[in-house]
Amino acid sequence: MRSQREAAEFAVERARAGDERALAAVRAFARHLGDGLLTVVNPLDPELVVIGGSLSKAADLLLEPIAERFADVCLCPPPVVASTLGNECVVLGAVRWALDHAERRLFTLPA
């Protein structure tokens, strides 16, 4: 039996190969993901939505349906882009935050 990750990777692979049922399933997933993102996008009105982590590997299939969903619902839909950091996005963000924090603590003179 496939894990959820393996099933998703298989569906994406088949969709890229032209399997219409797989493409429909991936697009439906993307629209549902867009619906979930709308709970944050509508009240916060961000300038940009970044799809990151392992989902960014399927950006070629996910971004358009998400953007279409935003266009259907949002007054000013934000652009939807994919992160180039892949699965490392959380780790790299944590490292960047730690470096910023250390820089402020070590190199900022007290007021």
C-alpha atoms as a PDB file:
ATOM      1  CA  MET A   1       0.000   0.000   0.000  1.00  0.00           C
ATOM      2  CA  ARG A   2       1.285   3.468  -0.902  1.00  0.00           C
ATOM      3  CA  SER A   3       1.780   6.166   1.691  1.00  0.00           C
ATOM      4  CA  GLN A   4      -0.063   9.456   1.138  1.00  0.00           C
ATOM      5  CA  ARG A   5       3.173  11.052  -0.047  1.00  0.00           C
ATOM      6  CA  GLU A   6       3.811   8.228  -2.515  1.00  0.00           C
ATOM      7  CA  ALA A   7       0.222   8.433  -3.789  1.00  0.00           C
ATOM      8  CA  ALA A   8       0.552  12.189  -4.298  1.00  0.00           C
ATOM      9  CA  GLU A   9       3.890  11.824  -6.087  1.00  0.00           C
ATOM     10  CA  PHE A  10       2.390   9.103  -8.298  1.00  0.00           C
ATOM     11  CA  ALA A  11      -0.604  11.303  -9.171  1.00  0.00           C
ATOM     12  CA  VAL A  12       1.660  14.246 -10.027  1.00  0.00           C
ATOM     13  CA  GLU A  13       3.893  12.020 -12.150  1.00  0.00           C
ATOM     14  CA  ARG A  14       0.889  10.602 -14.012  1.00  0.00           C
ATOM     15  CA  ALA A  15      -0.623  14.076 -14.486  1.00  0.00           C
ATOM     16  CA  ARG A  16       2.624  15.318 -16.007  1.00  0.00           C
ATOM     17  CA  ALA A  17       2.605  12.282 -18.304  1.00  0.00           C
ATOM     18  CA  GLY A  18      -0.814  13.316 -19.634  1.00  0.00           C
ATOM     19  CA  ASP A  19      -3.148  11.067 -17.622  1.00  0.00           C
ATOM     20  CA  GLU A  20      -6.411  13.041 -17.672  1.00  0.00           C
ATOM     21  CA  ARG A  21      -7.816  11.422 -14.492  1.00  0.00           C
ATOM     22  CA  ALA A  22      -4.618  12.174 -12.574  1.00  0.00           C
ATOM     23  CA  LEU A  23      -4.596  15.742 -13.889  1.00  0.00           C
ATOM     24  CA  ALA A  24      -8.218  16.193 -12.791  1.00  0.00           C
ATOM     25  CA  ALA A  25      -7.368  14.822  -9.333  1.00  0.00           C
ATOM     26  CA  VAL A  26      -4.360  17.122  -8.938  1.00  0.00           C
ATOM     27  CA  ARG A  27      -6.362  20.146 -10.103  1.00  0.00           C
ATOM     28  CA  ALA A  28      -9.164  19.265  -7.651  1.00  0.00           C
ATOM     29  CA  PHE A  29      -6.575  19.030  -4.863  1.00  0.00           C
ATOM     30  CA  ALA A  30      -5.178  22.426  -5.889  1.00  0.00           C
ATOM     31  CA  ARG A  31      -8.641  24.015  -5.826  1.00  0.00           C
ATOM     32  CA  HIS A  32      -9.267  22.565  -2.351  1.00  0.00           C
ATOM     33  CA  LEU A  33      -5.887  23.858  -1.245  1.00  0.00           C
ATOM     34  CA  GLY A  34      -6.895  27.249  -2.635  1.00  0.00           C
ATOM     35  CA  ASP A  35     -10.125  27.105  -0.626  1.00  0.00           C
ATOM     36  CA  GLY A  36      -8.120  26.454   2.533  1.00  0.00           C
ATOM     37  CA  LEU A  37      -5.720  29.281   1.738  1.00  0.00           C
ATOM     38  CA  LEU A  38      -8.658  31.649   1.246  1.00  0.00           C
ATOM     39  CA  THR A  39      -9.336  31.500   4.988  1.00  0.00           C
ATOM     40  CA  VAL A  40      -6.065  33.386   5.415  1.00  0.00           C
ATOM     41  CA  VAL A  41      -5.902  35.306   2.136  1.00  0.00           C
ATOM     42  CA  ASN A  42      -9.259  37.059   2.383  1.00  0.00           C
ATOM     43  CA  PRO A  43      -8.906  38.508   5.872  1.00  0.00           C
ATOM     44  CA  LEU A  44      -5.171  39.323   5.640  1.00  0.00           C
ATOM     45  CA  ASP A  45      -5.038  40.501   2.003  1.00  0.00           C
ATOM     46  CA  PRO A  46      -1.383  39.494   1.403  1.00  0.00           C
ATOM     47  CA  GLU A  47       0.589  40.870  -1.524  1.00  0.00           C
ATOM     48  CA  LEU A  48       1.831  37.394  -2.432  1.00  0.00           C
ATOM     49  CA  VAL A  49       1.104  33.739  -1.640  1.00  0.00           C
ATOM     50  CA  VAL A  50       4.098  31.392  -1.714  1.00  0.00           C
ATOM     51  CA  ILE A  51       3.582  27.644  -2.050  1.00  0.00           C
ATOM     52  CA  GLY A  52       6.503  25.980  -0.334  1.00  0.00           C
ATOM     53  CA  GLY A  53       7.815  22.718   0.959  1.00  0.00           C
ATOM     54  CA  SER A  54       7.172  19.531  -0.981  1.00  0.00           C
ATOM     55  CA  LEU A  55       4.159  21.147  -2.679  1.00  0.00           C
ATOM     56  CA  SER A  56       6.495  23.486  -4.544  1.00  0.00           C
ATOM     57  CA  LYS A  57       7.772  20.484  -6.513  1.00  0.00           C
ATOM     58  CA  ALA A  58       4.347  20.314  -8.195  1.00  0.00           C
ATOM     59  CA  ALA A  59       4.090  24.052  -8.796  1.00  0.00           C
ATOM     60  CA  ASP A  60       3.617  23.547 -12.532  1.00  0.00           C
ATOM     61  CA  LEU A  61       0.334  21.781 -11.745  1.00  0.00           C
ATOM     62  CA  LEU A  62      -0.827  23.594  -8.600  1.00  0.00           C
ATOM     63  CA  LEU A  63      -0.275  27.325  -9.105  1.00  0.00           C
ATOM     64  CA  GLU A  64      -2.773  27.923 -11.899  1.00  0.00           C
ATOM     65  CA  PRO A  65      -5.792  26.249 -10.223  1.00  0.00           C
ATOM     66  CA  ILE A  66      -5.034  28.053  -6.950  1.00  0.00           C
ATOM     67  CA  ALA A  67      -4.742  31.404  -8.748  1.00  0.00           C
ATOM     68  CA  GLU A  68      -8.004  30.688 -10.597  1.00  0.00           C
ATOM     69  CA  ARG A  69      -9.748  29.981  -7.283  1.00  0.00           C
ATOM     70  CA  PHE A  70      -8.416  33.240  -5.833  1.00  0.00           C
ATOM     71  CA  ALA A  71      -9.623  35.108  -8.941  1.00  0.00           C
ATOM     72  CA  ASP A  72     -13.111  33.673  -8.424  1.00  0.00           C
ATOM     73  CA  VAL A  73     -13.365  34.802  -4.804  1.00  0.00           C
ATOM     74  CA  CYS A  74     -10.930  37.632  -4.011  1.00  0.00           C
ATOM     75  CA  LEU A  75     -11.556  41.274  -4.815  1.00  0.00           C
ATOM     76  CA  CYS A  76      -7.802  41.728  -5.375  1.00  0.00           C
ATOM     77  CA  PRO A  77      -6.341  38.236  -5.800  1.00  0.00           C
ATOM     78  CA  PRO A  78      -2.673  37.984  -4.824  1.00  0.00           C
ATOM     79  CA  PRO A  79      -0.160  36.383  -7.172  1.00  0.00           C
ATOM     80  CA  VAL A  80       0.657  32.754  -6.342  1.00  0.00           C
ATOM     81  CA  VAL A  81       4.279  31.632  -6.725  1.00  0.00           C
ATOM     82  CA  ALA A  82       6.361  28.616  -5.764  1.00  0.00           C
ATOM     83  CA  SER A  83       9.242  28.735  -3.338  1.00  0.00           C
ATOM     84  CA  THR A  84      12.591  27.725  -4.751  1.00  0.00           C
ATOM     85  CA  LEU A  85      13.675  26.386  -1.354  1.00  0.00           C
ATOM     86  CA  GLY A  86      11.695  23.123  -1.550  1.00  0.00           C
ATOM     87  CA  ASN A  87      11.644  20.994   1.588  1.00  0.00           C
ATOM     88  CA  GLU A  88      14.365  23.123   3.182  1.00  0.00           C
ATOM     89  CA  CYS A  89      12.150  26.217   3.509  1.00  0.00           C
ATOM     90  CA  VAL A  90      11.355  25.787   7.213  1.00  0.00           C
ATOM     91  CA  VAL A  91      14.947  25.047   8.205  1.00  0.00           C
ATOM     92  CA  LEU A  92      16.325  27.926   6.152  1.00  0.00           C
ATOM     93  CA  GLY A  93      13.705  30.296   7.543  1.00  0.00           C
ATOM     94  CA  ALA A  94      14.607  29.275  11.099  1.00  0.00           C
ATOM     95  CA  VAL A  95      18.302  29.791  10.410  1.00  0.00           C
ATOM     96  CA  ARG A  96      17.605  33.230   8.883  1.00  0.00           C
ATOM     97  CA  TRP A  97      15.508  34.212  11.904  1.00  0.00           C
ATOM     98  CA  ALA A  98      18.244  33.029  14.297  1.00  0.00           C
ATOM     99  CA  LEU A  99      20.909  34.977  12.398  1.00  0.00           C
ATOM    100  CA  ASP A 100      18.775  38.132  12.426  1.00  0.00           C
ATOM    101  CA  HIS A 101      18.150  37.713  16.155  1.00  0.00           C
ATOM    102  CA  ALA A 102      21.848  37.115  16.885  1.00  0.00           C
ATOM    103  CA  GLU A 103      22.844  40.130  14.802  1.00  0.00           C
ATOM    104  CA  ARG A 104      20.438  42.412  16.689  1.00  0.00           C
ATOM    105  CA  ARG A 105      21.618  41.088  20.083  1.00  0.00           C
ATOM    106  CA  LEU A 106      25.326  41.175  19.297  1.00  0.00           C
ATOM    107  CA  PHE A 107      25.755  44.244  17.104  1.00  0.00           C
ATOM    108  CA  THR A 108      23.092  46.725  18.155  1.00  0.00           C
ATOM    109  CA  LEU A 109      24.183  49.275  20.712  1.00  0.00           C
ATOM    110  CA  PRO A 110      21.882  49.769  23.674  1.00  0.00           C
ATOM    111  CA  ALA A 111      19.728  52.904  23.500  1.00  0.00           C
END
